[in-house]
Amino acid sequence: MQNTTRERIVVAASRLLQRQGYVGTGIKQIAKEADATLGSVYHFFPGGKEAVAVAAIEHGSREFAALLREALDGTEDPADAVTACTARLAAELRASGWTDGCPVTAAALETLGTDSGIQQACAEALRGWEQLVFDKLLSAGFGSPDAREVATTVISTLEGAEVTAQVNRSEEPLHAAGRQLARLVRSYAAQEAGPVRA
């Protein structure tokens, strides 16, 4: 089924934002990449470039959430799930030629200190991803405060590791992050289990 013009615009903008950031992406380039007219971009997004960017970030957020959910649901053990997620991110990043990183990082950094729709969309994306990890940890028996802090740590580490992997053109930062996050998760799981009785 053919994507609608609006969907093509959003997907094209999402890819461009991942690869060259908000400042480096122009509305004309979005239209060209989407095989759409400039008029149609403004028809669907009267707010212009920022409105397109918000929709693109929301799209990227949903894509990453689907990847994260699939990894988390793929195994009962949350430590194994985190490792699976970093492995998948590493493979996809390499396959993209190190260009398709986190869908919010560039836009978030470029609009820091503003109360723009872009910042709000980025913050919502991060909160949503943290919530997925939090829910997984809760279901594995973590207490709520620990689950919240570990979920924040997981997402923050994934963000940093993905950027480092892009800069170094290497999967290793993500694999290393996966190993260390799994160790962290297992250390909490061991605490929850308590001492082994003889």
N, C-alpha and C. Protein backbone atom coordinates (compact mmCIF):
# COMPACT_ATOMS: atom_id res chain seq x y z
N MET A 1 0.85 -1.20 0.00
CA MET A 1 0.00 0.00 0.00
C MET A 1 0.89 1.25 0.00
N GLN A 2 0.58 2.16 -0.90
CA GLN A 2 1.39 3.37 -1.05
C GLN A 2 1.24 4.25 0.19
N ASN A 3 2.39 4.75 0.68
CA ASN A 3 2.34 5.70 1.79
C ASN A 3 1.67 6.98 1.33
N THR A 4 0.94 7.61 2.24
CA THR A 4 0.35 8.89 1.91
C THR A 4 1.45 9.94 1.83
N THR A 5 1.10 11.07 1.21
CA THR A 5 2.08 12.16 1.09
C THR A 5 2.55 12.60 2.47
N ARG A 6 1.63 12.71 3.40
CA ARG A 6 2.00 13.14 4.76
C ARG A 6 2.98 12.15 5.39
N GLU A 7 2.70 10.85 5.23
CA GLU A 7 3.59 9.84 5.80
C GLU A 7 4.98 9.91 5.18
N ARG A 8 5.04 10.12 3.86
CA ARG A 8 6.34 10.23 3.19
C ARG A 8 7.12 11.43 3.71
N ILE A 9 6.43 12.52 3.95
CA ILE A 9 7.08 13.72 4.47
C ILE A 9 7.65 13.45 5.86
N VAL A 10 6.86 12.81 6.71
CA VAL A 10 7.29 12.53 8.09
C VAL A 10 8.47 11.57 8.11
N VAL A 11 8.41 10.51 7.31
CA VAL A 11 9.50 9.53 7.27
C VAL A 11 10.78 10.16 6.73
N ALA A 12 10.65 10.95 5.66
CA ALA A 12 11.82 11.62 5.09
C ALA A 12 12.43 12.58 6.11
N ALA A 13 11.60 13.34 6.79
CA ALA A 13 12.10 14.29 7.79
C ALA A 13 12.78 13.56 8.94
N SER A 14 12.21 12.43 9.34
CA SER A 14 12.80 11.65 10.44
C SER A 14 14.20 11.18 10.08
N ARG A 15 14.37 10.66 8.87
CA ARG A 15 15.69 10.19 8.43
C ARG A 15 16.69 11.35 8.33
N LEU A 16 16.24 12.47 7.80
CA LEU A 16 17.13 13.61 7.65
C LEU A 16 17.55 14.16 9.02
N LEU A 17 16.62 14.22 9.96
CA LEU A 17 16.96 14.70 11.30
C LEU A 17 17.98 13.78 11.96
N GLN A 18 17.82 12.47 11.77
CA GLN A 18 18.79 11.52 12.33
C GLN A 18 20.18 11.76 11.77
N ARG A 19 20.23 12.05 10.48
CA ARG A 19 21.51 12.11 9.78
C ARG A 19 22.19 13.47 9.84
N GLN A 20 21.40 14.54 9.86
CA GLN A 20 22.04 15.86 9.80
C GLN A 20 21.48 16.87 10.77
N GLY A 21 20.60 16.44 11.65
CA GLY A 21 20.10 17.34 12.68
C GLY A 21 19.03 18.30 12.19
N TYR A 22 18.49 19.05 13.14
CA TYR A 22 17.40 20.00 12.82
C TYR A 22 17.92 21.20 12.06
N VAL A 23 19.02 21.77 12.52
CA VAL A 23 19.56 22.97 11.88
C VAL A 23 20.00 22.67 10.45
N GLY A 24 20.57 21.48 10.24
CA GLY A 24 21.09 21.13 8.92
C GLY A 24 20.05 20.64 7.93
N THR A 25 18.81 20.52 8.37
CA THR A 25 17.75 20.02 7.50
C THR A 25 16.82 21.16 7.08
N GLY A 26 16.65 21.32 5.79
CA GLY A 26 15.77 22.38 5.27
C GLY A 26 14.44 21.83 4.81
N ILE A 27 13.45 22.68 4.80
CA ILE A 27 12.11 22.28 4.41
C ILE A 27 12.06 21.85 2.94
N LYS A 28 12.86 22.51 2.09
CA LYS A 28 12.90 22.13 0.67
C LYS A 28 13.52 20.74 0.50
N GLN A 29 14.53 20.45 1.31
CA GLN A 29 15.16 19.13 1.24
C GLN A 29 14.19 18.05 1.68
N ILE A 30 13.41 18.35 2.72
CA ILE A 30 12.40 17.39 3.18
C ILE A 30 11.41 17.09 2.06
N ALA A 31 10.94 18.15 1.41
CA ALA A 31 9.98 17.97 0.30
C ALA A 31 10.59 17.13 -0.81
N LYS A 32 11.83 17.42 -1.17
CA LYS A 32 12.50 16.67 -2.25
C LYS A 32 12.65 15.20 -1.89
N GLU A 33 13.13 14.93 -0.66
CA GLU A 33 13.33 13.55 -0.22
C GLU A 33 12.01 12.78 -0.14
N ALA A 34 10.95 13.49 0.15
CA ALA A 34 9.63 12.85 0.28
C ALA A 34 8.90 12.75 -1.05
N ASP A 35 9.52 13.28 -2.12
CA ASP A 35 8.88 13.33 -3.43
C ASP A 35 7.53 14.05 -3.32
N ALA A 36 7.59 15.19 -2.65
CA ALA A 36 6.38 16.00 -2.42
C ALA A 36 6.67 17.45 -2.81
N THR A 37 5.63 18.19 -3.03
CA THR A 37 5.81 19.61 -3.33
C THR A 37 5.97 20.38 -2.02
N LEU A 38 6.59 21.54 -2.13
CA LEU A 38 6.73 22.40 -0.95
C LEU A 38 5.35 22.80 -0.44
N GLY A 39 4.43 23.04 -1.36
CA GLY A 39 3.07 23.40 -0.98
C GLY A 39 2.38 22.32 -0.16
N SER A 40 2.65 21.05 -0.52
CA SER A 40 2.01 19.96 0.23
C SER A 40 2.59 19.85 1.63
N VAL A 41 3.89 20.16 1.77
CA VAL A 41 4.48 20.14 3.11
C VAL A 41 3.78 21.16 3.99
N TYR A 42 3.60 22.37 3.48
CA TYR A 42 2.94 23.41 4.27
C TYR A 42 1.45 23.14 4.44
N HIS A 43 0.87 22.40 3.50
CA HIS A 43 -0.54 22.03 3.63
C HIS A 43 -0.74 21.13 4.86
N PHE A 44 0.13 20.11 4.97
CA PHE A 44 0.01 19.18 6.10
C PHE A 44 0.61 19.73 7.39
N PHE A 45 1.58 20.64 7.24
CA PHE A 45 2.27 21.20 8.41
C PHE A 45 2.33 22.72 8.31
N PRO A 46 1.19 23.39 8.60
CA PRO A 46 1.16 24.85 8.51
C PRO A 46 2.19 25.52 9.41
N GLY A 47 2.62 24.82 10.45
CA GLY A 47 3.63 25.37 11.35
C GLY A 47 5.04 25.33 10.79
N GLY A 48 5.18 24.82 9.57
CA GLY A 48 6.48 24.82 8.91
C GLY A 48 7.44 23.77 9.44
N LYS A 49 8.72 24.10 9.38
CA LYS A 49 9.78 23.14 9.68
C LYS A 49 9.67 22.55 11.09
N GLU A 50 9.36 23.39 12.07
CA GLU A 50 9.27 22.88 13.44
C GLU A 50 8.14 21.86 13.57
N ALA A 51 7.02 22.13 12.94
CA ALA A 51 5.88 21.19 13.01
C ALA A 51 6.23 19.86 12.34
N VAL A 52 6.94 19.93 11.21
CA VAL A 52 7.38 18.69 10.55
C VAL A 52 8.35 17.95 11.46
N ALA A 53 9.26 18.68 12.08
CA ALA A 53 10.26 18.06 12.96
C ALA A 53 9.60 17.35 14.14
N VAL A 54 8.59 17.97 14.73
CA VAL A 54 7.89 17.34 15.86
C VAL A 54 7.26 16.02 15.42
N ALA A 55 6.59 16.04 14.26
CA ALA A 55 5.97 14.81 13.75
C ALA A 55 7.03 13.76 13.44
N ALA A 56 8.18 14.21 12.92
CA ALA A 56 9.27 13.29 12.59
C ALA A 56 9.86 12.66 13.84
N ILE A 57 10.03 13.45 14.88
CA ILE A 57 10.56 12.94 16.15
C ILE A 57 9.59 11.94 16.76
N GLU A 58 8.31 12.24 16.70
CA GLU A 58 7.29 11.31 17.22
C GLU A 58 7.32 9.99 16.44
N HIS A 59 7.52 10.10 15.13
CA HIS A 59 7.63 8.89 14.29
C HIS A 59 8.85 8.07 14.69
N GLY A 60 10.00 8.74 14.81
CA GLY A 60 11.22 8.06 15.21
C GLY A 60 11.11 7.45 16.59
N SER A 61 10.41 8.15 17.47
CA SER A 61 10.19 7.64 18.83
C SER A 61 9.40 6.34 18.81
N ARG A 62 8.38 6.30 17.98
CA ARG A 62 7.56 5.07 17.88
C ARG A 62 8.37 3.92 17.29
N GLU A 63 9.21 4.23 16.29
CA GLU A 63 10.06 3.20 15.69
C GLU A 63 11.01 2.61 16.73
N PHE A 64 11.67 3.49 17.49
CA PHE A 64 12.61 3.01 18.49
C PHE A 64 11.87 2.27 19.60
N ALA A 65 10.70 2.75 19.99
CA ALA A 65 9.91 2.07 21.02
C ALA A 65 9.54 0.66 20.58
N ALA A 66 9.23 0.49 19.28
CA ALA A 66 8.89 -0.85 18.77
C ALA A 66 10.10 -1.78 18.86
N LEU A 67 11.28 -1.26 18.50
CA LEU A 67 12.51 -2.05 18.60
C LEU A 67 12.78 -2.43 20.05
N LEU A 68 12.65 -1.46 20.93
CA LEU A 68 12.90 -1.68 22.35
C LEU A 68 11.91 -2.68 22.93
N ARG A 69 10.64 -2.51 22.59
CA ARG A 69 9.60 -3.41 23.10
C ARG A 69 9.84 -4.84 22.63
N GLU A 70 10.24 -4.99 21.37
CA GLU A 70 10.51 -6.32 20.82
C GLU A 70 11.66 -7.00 21.57
N ALA A 71 12.72 -6.22 21.85
CA ALA A 71 13.86 -6.78 22.58
C ALA A 71 13.47 -7.13 24.01
N LEU A 72 12.71 -6.26 24.65
CA LEU A 72 12.32 -6.49 26.05
C LEU A 72 11.36 -7.66 26.19
N ASP A 73 10.49 -7.82 25.19
CA ASP A 73 9.51 -8.90 25.25
C ASP A 73 10.08 -10.23 24.78
N GLY A 74 11.28 -10.19 24.19
CA GLY A 74 11.86 -11.39 23.59
C GLY A 74 12.40 -12.40 24.59
N THR A 75 12.57 -11.96 25.83
CA THR A 75 13.10 -12.86 26.86
C THR A 75 12.59 -12.42 28.23
N GLU A 76 12.45 -13.39 29.14
CA GLU A 76 11.98 -13.04 30.49
C GLU A 76 13.03 -12.27 31.27
N ASP A 77 14.29 -12.61 31.05
CA ASP A 77 15.39 -12.01 31.80
C ASP A 77 15.66 -10.58 31.30
N PRO A 78 15.45 -9.57 32.15
CA PRO A 78 15.65 -8.19 31.69
C PRO A 78 17.10 -7.89 31.31
N ALA A 79 18.06 -8.58 31.92
CA ALA A 79 19.46 -8.38 31.57
C ALA A 79 19.73 -8.86 30.14
N ASP A 80 19.21 -10.03 29.81
CA ASP A 80 19.35 -10.55 28.44
C ASP A 80 18.61 -9.65 27.45
N ALA A 81 17.49 -9.10 27.87
CA ALA A 81 16.72 -8.22 27.00
C ALA A 81 17.50 -6.95 26.66
N VAL A 82 18.18 -6.39 27.65
CA VAL A 82 18.98 -5.18 27.41
C VAL A 82 20.12 -5.48 26.45
N THR A 83 20.77 -6.63 26.66
CA THR A 83 21.87 -7.03 25.76
C THR A 83 21.36 -7.23 24.34
N ALA A 84 20.19 -7.84 24.19
CA ALA A 84 19.60 -8.04 22.87
C ALA A 84 19.32 -6.70 22.20
N CYS A 85 18.88 -5.75 22.98
CA CYS A 85 18.57 -4.42 22.44
C CYS A 85 19.83 -3.74 21.93
N THR A 86 20.91 -3.77 22.70
CA THR A 86 22.14 -3.12 22.26
C THR A 86 22.71 -3.82 21.03
N ALA A 87 22.59 -5.13 20.96
CA ALA A 87 23.07 -5.86 19.79
C ALA A 87 22.29 -5.46 18.54
N ARG A 88 20.99 -5.33 18.70
CA ARG A 88 20.15 -4.93 17.56
C ARG A 88 20.48 -3.50 17.12
N LEU A 89 20.64 -2.60 18.07
CA LEU A 89 21.00 -1.22 17.74
C LEU A 89 22.34 -1.17 17.02
N ALA A 90 23.30 -1.94 17.49
CA ALA A 90 24.63 -1.96 16.88
C ALA A 90 24.55 -2.44 15.44
N ALA A 91 23.80 -3.52 15.21
CA ALA A 91 23.68 -4.07 13.87
C ALA A 91 23.00 -3.09 12.92
N GLU A 92 21.94 -2.44 13.40
CA GLU A 92 21.20 -1.50 12.55
C GLU A 92 22.02 -0.25 12.25
N LEU A 93 22.78 0.19 13.24
CA LEU A 93 23.62 1.36 13.04
C LEU A 93 24.70 1.08 11.99
N ARG A 94 25.33 -0.10 12.09
CA ARG A 94 26.34 -0.48 11.10
C ARG A 94 25.71 -0.57 9.70
N ALA A 95 24.53 -1.20 9.63
CA ALA A 95 23.85 -1.37 8.34
C ALA A 95 23.51 -0.04 7.68
N SER A 96 23.30 0.99 8.48
CA SER A 96 22.97 2.32 7.94
C SER A 96 24.21 3.11 7.53
N GLY A 97 25.38 2.51 7.69
CA GLY A 97 26.60 3.24 7.41
C GLY A 97 26.92 4.27 8.48
N TRP A 98 26.45 3.97 9.72
CA TRP A 98 26.69 4.81 10.90
C TRP A 98 25.95 6.15 10.84
N THR A 99 24.89 6.22 10.03
CA THR A 99 24.18 7.50 9.89
C THR A 99 22.86 7.57 10.65
N ASP A 100 22.18 6.44 10.81
CA ASP A 100 20.84 6.45 11.41
C ASP A 100 20.90 6.14 12.90
N GLY A 101 21.28 7.13 13.68
CA GLY A 101 21.37 6.96 15.12
C GLY A 101 20.04 7.23 15.80
N CYS A 102 20.13 7.69 17.04
CA CYS A 102 18.93 7.96 17.82
C CYS A 102 18.07 9.03 17.13
N PRO A 103 16.76 8.81 17.07
CA PRO A 103 15.90 9.78 16.38
C PRO A 103 15.69 11.09 17.11
N VAL A 104 16.20 11.22 18.34
CA VAL A 104 15.97 12.48 19.05
C VAL A 104 17.25 13.24 19.40
N THR A 105 18.39 12.56 19.38
CA THR A 105 19.61 13.16 19.92
C THR A 105 19.96 14.51 19.29
N ALA A 106 20.10 14.52 17.97
CA ALA A 106 20.55 15.75 17.30
C ALA A 106 19.58 16.89 17.53
N ALA A 107 18.30 16.63 17.33
CA ALA A 107 17.30 17.69 17.50
C ALA A 107 17.25 18.17 18.95
N ALA A 108 17.38 17.25 19.88
CA ALA A 108 17.35 17.63 21.30
C ALA A 108 18.50 18.55 21.65
N LEU A 109 19.71 18.20 21.20
CA LEU A 109 20.89 19.01 21.53
C LEU A 109 20.84 20.38 20.86
N GLU A 110 20.29 20.43 19.66
CA GLU A 110 20.26 21.70 18.92
C GLU A 110 19.23 22.67 19.46
N THR A 111 18.28 22.17 20.22
CA THR A 111 17.22 23.06 20.71
C THR A 111 17.22 23.17 22.24
N LEU A 112 18.34 22.82 22.85
CA LEU A 112 18.44 22.93 24.31
C LEU A 112 18.18 24.37 24.76
N GLY A 113 17.57 24.49 25.93
CA GLY A 113 17.32 25.82 26.48
C GLY A 113 16.08 26.48 25.93
N THR A 114 15.36 25.78 25.06
CA THR A 114 14.11 26.34 24.52
C THR A 114 12.93 25.55 25.07
N ASP A 115 11.77 26.13 24.96
CA ASP A 115 10.55 25.43 25.36
C ASP A 115 9.76 25.10 24.10
N SER A 116 10.48 24.66 23.08
CA SER A 116 9.87 24.41 21.78
C SER A 116 9.12 23.08 21.77
N GLY A 117 8.30 22.92 20.75
CA GLY A 117 7.62 21.65 20.55
C GLY A 117 8.61 20.53 20.33
N ILE A 118 9.76 20.86 19.74
CA ILE A 118 10.79 19.86 19.50
C ILE A 118 11.33 19.32 20.82
N GLN A 119 11.66 20.22 21.75
CA GLN A 119 12.15 19.78 23.06
C GLN A 119 11.11 18.93 23.77
N GLN A 120 9.86 19.33 23.69
CA GLN A 120 8.79 18.58 24.34
C GLN A 120 8.65 17.18 23.73
N ALA A 121 8.74 17.11 22.40
CA ALA A 121 8.64 15.80 21.73
C ALA A 121 9.81 14.90 22.10
N CYS A 122 11.00 15.48 22.20
CA CYS A 122 12.19 14.70 22.59
C CYS A 122 12.05 14.20 24.02
N ALA A 123 11.60 15.06 24.92
CA ALA A 123 11.42 14.68 26.32
C ALA A 123 10.38 13.56 26.45
N GLU A 124 9.30 13.67 25.69
CA GLU A 124 8.26 12.64 25.74
C GLU A 124 8.78 11.31 25.21
N ALA A 125 9.61 11.37 24.16
CA ALA A 125 10.20 10.15 23.61
C ALA A 125 11.05 9.45 24.66
N LEU A 126 11.92 10.20 25.30
CA LEU A 126 12.80 9.61 26.32
C LEU A 126 12.00 9.03 27.48
N ARG A 127 10.98 9.77 27.93
CA ARG A 127 10.13 9.27 29.02
C ARG A 127 9.41 7.97 28.61
N GLY A 128 8.95 7.94 27.37
CA GLY A 128 8.25 6.74 26.89
C GLY A 128 9.15 5.53 26.84
N TRP A 129 10.40 5.72 26.40
CA TRP A 129 11.35 4.60 26.34
C TRP A 129 11.70 4.14 27.74
N GLU A 130 11.90 5.10 28.65
CA GLU A 130 12.19 4.74 30.04
C GLU A 130 11.04 3.93 30.64
N GLN A 131 9.82 4.31 30.30
CA GLN A 131 8.66 3.62 30.85
C GLN A 131 8.63 2.15 30.41
N LEU A 132 9.02 1.88 29.17
CA LEU A 132 9.06 0.50 28.68
C LEU A 132 10.05 -0.33 29.50
N VAL A 133 11.23 0.24 29.75
CA VAL A 133 12.23 -0.48 30.55
C VAL A 133 11.75 -0.63 31.99
N PHE A 134 11.18 0.44 32.53
CA PHE A 134 10.64 0.41 33.90
C PHE A 134 9.61 -0.71 34.06
N ASP A 135 8.70 -0.81 33.11
CA ASP A 135 7.66 -1.85 33.17
C ASP A 135 8.28 -3.24 33.14
N LYS A 136 9.30 -3.42 32.31
CA LYS A 136 9.98 -4.71 32.22
C LYS A 136 10.63 -5.07 33.56
N LEU A 137 11.29 -4.10 34.17
CA LEU A 137 11.96 -4.35 35.44
C LEU A 137 10.95 -4.63 36.56
N LEU A 138 9.86 -3.90 36.57
CA LEU A 138 8.81 -4.18 37.56
C LEU A 138 8.30 -5.60 37.42
N SER A 139 8.07 -6.02 36.18
CA SER A 139 7.53 -7.37 35.95
C SER A 139 8.54 -8.44 36.35
N ALA A 140 9.83 -8.05 36.40
CA ALA A 140 10.88 -8.99 36.81
C ALA A 140 11.09 -8.98 38.32
N GLY A 141 10.30 -8.18 39.05
CA GLY A 141 10.37 -8.19 40.50
C GLY A 141 11.14 -7.05 41.13
N PHE A 142 11.58 -6.09 40.33
CA PHE A 142 12.27 -4.92 40.90
C PHE A 142 11.29 -4.07 41.70
N GLY A 143 11.78 -3.45 42.75
CA GLY A 143 10.99 -2.44 43.45
C GLY A 143 10.88 -1.19 42.58
N SER A 144 9.84 -0.42 42.80
CA SER A 144 9.59 0.74 41.94
C SER A 144 10.73 1.76 41.91
N PRO A 145 11.30 2.17 43.07
CA PRO A 145 12.38 3.17 43.00
C PRO A 145 13.60 2.66 42.23
N ASP A 146 13.99 1.41 42.47
CA ASP A 146 15.13 0.84 41.75
C ASP A 146 14.82 0.73 40.26
N ALA A 147 13.63 0.27 39.94
CA ALA A 147 13.25 0.11 38.54
C ALA A 147 13.31 1.44 37.81
N ARG A 148 12.87 2.50 38.49
CA ARG A 148 12.88 3.83 37.86
C ARG A 148 14.31 4.30 37.59
N GLU A 149 15.18 4.15 38.58
CA GLU A 149 16.56 4.61 38.40
C GLU A 149 17.31 3.78 37.36
N VAL A 150 17.11 2.47 37.39
CA VAL A 150 17.80 1.61 36.42
C VAL A 150 17.28 1.89 35.01
N ALA A 151 15.98 2.11 34.86
CA ALA A 151 15.42 2.42 33.54
C ALA A 151 16.02 3.70 32.98
N THR A 152 16.15 4.71 33.84
CA THR A 152 16.78 5.97 33.42
C THR A 152 18.22 5.72 33.00
N THR A 153 18.93 4.91 33.76
CA THR A 153 20.33 4.59 33.45
C THR A 153 20.44 3.84 32.13
N VAL A 154 19.54 2.90 31.89
CA VAL A 154 19.57 2.13 30.64
C VAL A 154 19.40 3.05 29.43
N ILE A 155 18.39 3.89 29.46
CA ILE A 155 18.14 4.75 28.30
C ILE A 155 19.25 5.77 28.13
N SER A 156 19.72 6.36 29.22
CA SER A 156 20.81 7.33 29.12
C SER A 156 22.08 6.69 28.56
N THR A 157 22.36 5.47 28.98
CA THR A 157 23.55 4.76 28.50
C THR A 157 23.41 4.40 27.03
N LEU A 158 22.23 3.94 26.62
CA LEU A 158 22.00 3.62 25.22
C LEU A 158 22.21 4.85 24.34
N GLU A 159 21.71 5.99 24.80
CA GLU A 159 21.86 7.23 24.03
C GLU A 159 23.34 7.56 23.82
N GLY A 160 24.09 7.55 24.92
CA GLY A 160 25.51 7.88 24.83
C GLY A 160 26.30 6.87 24.03
N ALA A 161 25.99 5.59 24.21
CA ALA A 161 26.72 4.54 23.50
C ALA A 161 26.46 4.61 22.00
N GLU A 162 25.24 4.97 21.63
CA GLU A 162 24.92 5.05 20.20
C GLU A 162 25.69 6.19 19.53
N VAL A 163 25.78 7.32 20.19
CA VAL A 163 26.55 8.43 19.64
C VAL A 163 28.03 8.05 19.54
N THR A 164 28.56 7.42 20.58
CA THR A 164 29.96 7.01 20.57
C THR A 164 30.23 6.00 19.46
N ALA A 165 29.30 5.08 19.25
CA ALA A 165 29.44 4.10 18.17
C ALA A 165 29.46 4.79 16.80
N GLN A 166 28.60 5.80 16.64
CA GLN A 166 28.57 6.53 15.38
C GLN A 166 29.90 7.25 15.13
N VAL A 167 30.37 7.95 16.14
CA VAL A 167 31.61 8.73 16.00
C VAL A 167 32.79 7.82 15.67
N ASN A 168 32.85 6.66 16.34
CA ASN A 168 33.97 5.73 16.15
C ASN A 168 33.74 4.73 15.02
N ARG A 169 32.54 4.76 14.44
CA ARG A 169 32.18 3.81 13.39
C ARG A 169 32.49 2.38 13.84
N SER A 170 31.99 2.08 15.03
CA SER A 170 32.25 0.78 15.64
C SER A 170 31.05 0.35 16.47
N GLU A 171 30.74 -0.94 16.43
CA GLU A 171 29.65 -1.48 17.24
C GLU A 171 30.04 -1.64 18.71
N GLU A 172 31.33 -1.67 18.98
CA GLU A 172 31.81 -2.03 20.31
C GLU A 172 31.25 -1.16 21.44
N PRO A 173 31.12 0.17 21.28
CA PRO A 173 30.54 0.94 22.39
C PRO A 173 29.16 0.45 22.80
N LEU A 174 28.36 0.04 21.83
CA LEU A 174 27.03 -0.48 22.16
C LEU A 174 27.12 -1.86 22.80
N HIS A 175 28.01 -2.70 22.30
CA HIS A 175 28.17 -4.03 22.92
C HIS A 175 28.69 -3.90 24.35
N ALA A 176 29.65 -3.00 24.54
CA ALA A 176 30.19 -2.79 25.90
C ALA A 176 29.10 -2.27 26.83
N ALA A 177 28.29 -1.33 26.33
CA ALA A 177 27.18 -0.80 27.13
C ALA A 177 26.21 -1.91 27.49
N GLY A 178 25.93 -2.79 26.54
CA GLY A 178 25.03 -3.91 26.80
C GLY A 178 25.54 -4.83 27.89
N ARG A 179 26.84 -5.13 27.82
CA ARG A 179 27.42 -6.02 28.84
C ARG A 179 27.35 -5.39 30.23
N GLN A 180 27.68 -4.11 30.32
CA GLN A 180 27.70 -3.44 31.62
C GLN A 180 26.29 -3.20 32.16
N LEU A 181 25.36 -2.89 31.27
CA LEU A 181 23.97 -2.72 31.72
C LEU A 181 23.41 -4.05 32.20
N ALA A 182 23.74 -5.12 31.50
CA ALA A 182 23.28 -6.45 31.94
C ALA A 182 23.83 -6.77 33.32
N ARG A 183 25.09 -6.43 33.54
CA ARG A 183 25.71 -6.66 34.86
C ARG A 183 24.99 -5.85 35.93
N LEU A 184 24.67 -4.60 35.61
CA LEU A 184 23.94 -3.75 36.55
C LEU A 184 22.57 -4.36 36.88
N VAL A 185 21.84 -4.75 35.85
CA VAL A 185 20.50 -5.32 36.06
C VAL A 185 20.59 -6.58 36.89
N ARG A 186 21.58 -7.42 36.62
CA ARG A 186 21.71 -8.67 37.38
C ARG A 186 22.08 -8.41 38.83
N SER A 187 22.85 -7.35 39.07
CA SER A 187 23.21 -7.05 40.46
C SER A 187 21.97 -6.67 41.27
N TYR A 188 21.04 -5.95 40.66
CA TYR A 188 19.79 -5.62 41.35
C TYR A 188 18.93 -6.86 41.52
N ALA A 189 18.90 -7.69 40.49
CA ALA A 189 18.10 -8.92 40.57
C ALA A 189 18.60 -9.80 41.69
N ALA A 190 19.93 -9.86 41.87
CA ALA A 190 20.51 -10.67 42.95
C ALA A 190 20.10 -10.10 44.31
N GLN A 191 20.09 -8.77 44.43
CA GLN A 191 19.66 -8.14 45.70
C GLN A 191 18.21 -8.46 46.00
N GLU A 192 17.36 -8.42 44.94
CA GLU A 192 15.94 -8.70 45.13
C GLU A 192 15.74 -10.15 45.59
N ALA A 193 16.59 -11.07 45.08
CA ALA A 193 16.45 -12.48 45.43
C ALA A 193 16.87 -12.75 46.88
N GLY A 194 17.77 -11.89 47.38
CA GLY A 194 18.21 -12.05 48.77
C GLY A 194 19.27 -13.11 48.89
N PRO A 195 19.79 -13.31 50.11
CA PRO A 195 20.87 -14.30 50.33
C PRO A 195 20.36 -15.73 50.11
N VAL A 196 21.26 -16.53 49.58
CA VAL A 196 20.92 -17.96 49.36
C VAL A 196 21.05 -18.69 50.68
N ARG A 197 20.03 -19.45 51.03
CA ARG A 197 20.05 -20.21 52.30
C ARG A 197 20.70 -21.57 52.09
N ALA A 198 21.45 -21.99 53.11
CA ALA A 198 22.12 -23.31 53.04
C ALA A 198 21.09 -24.41 53.26
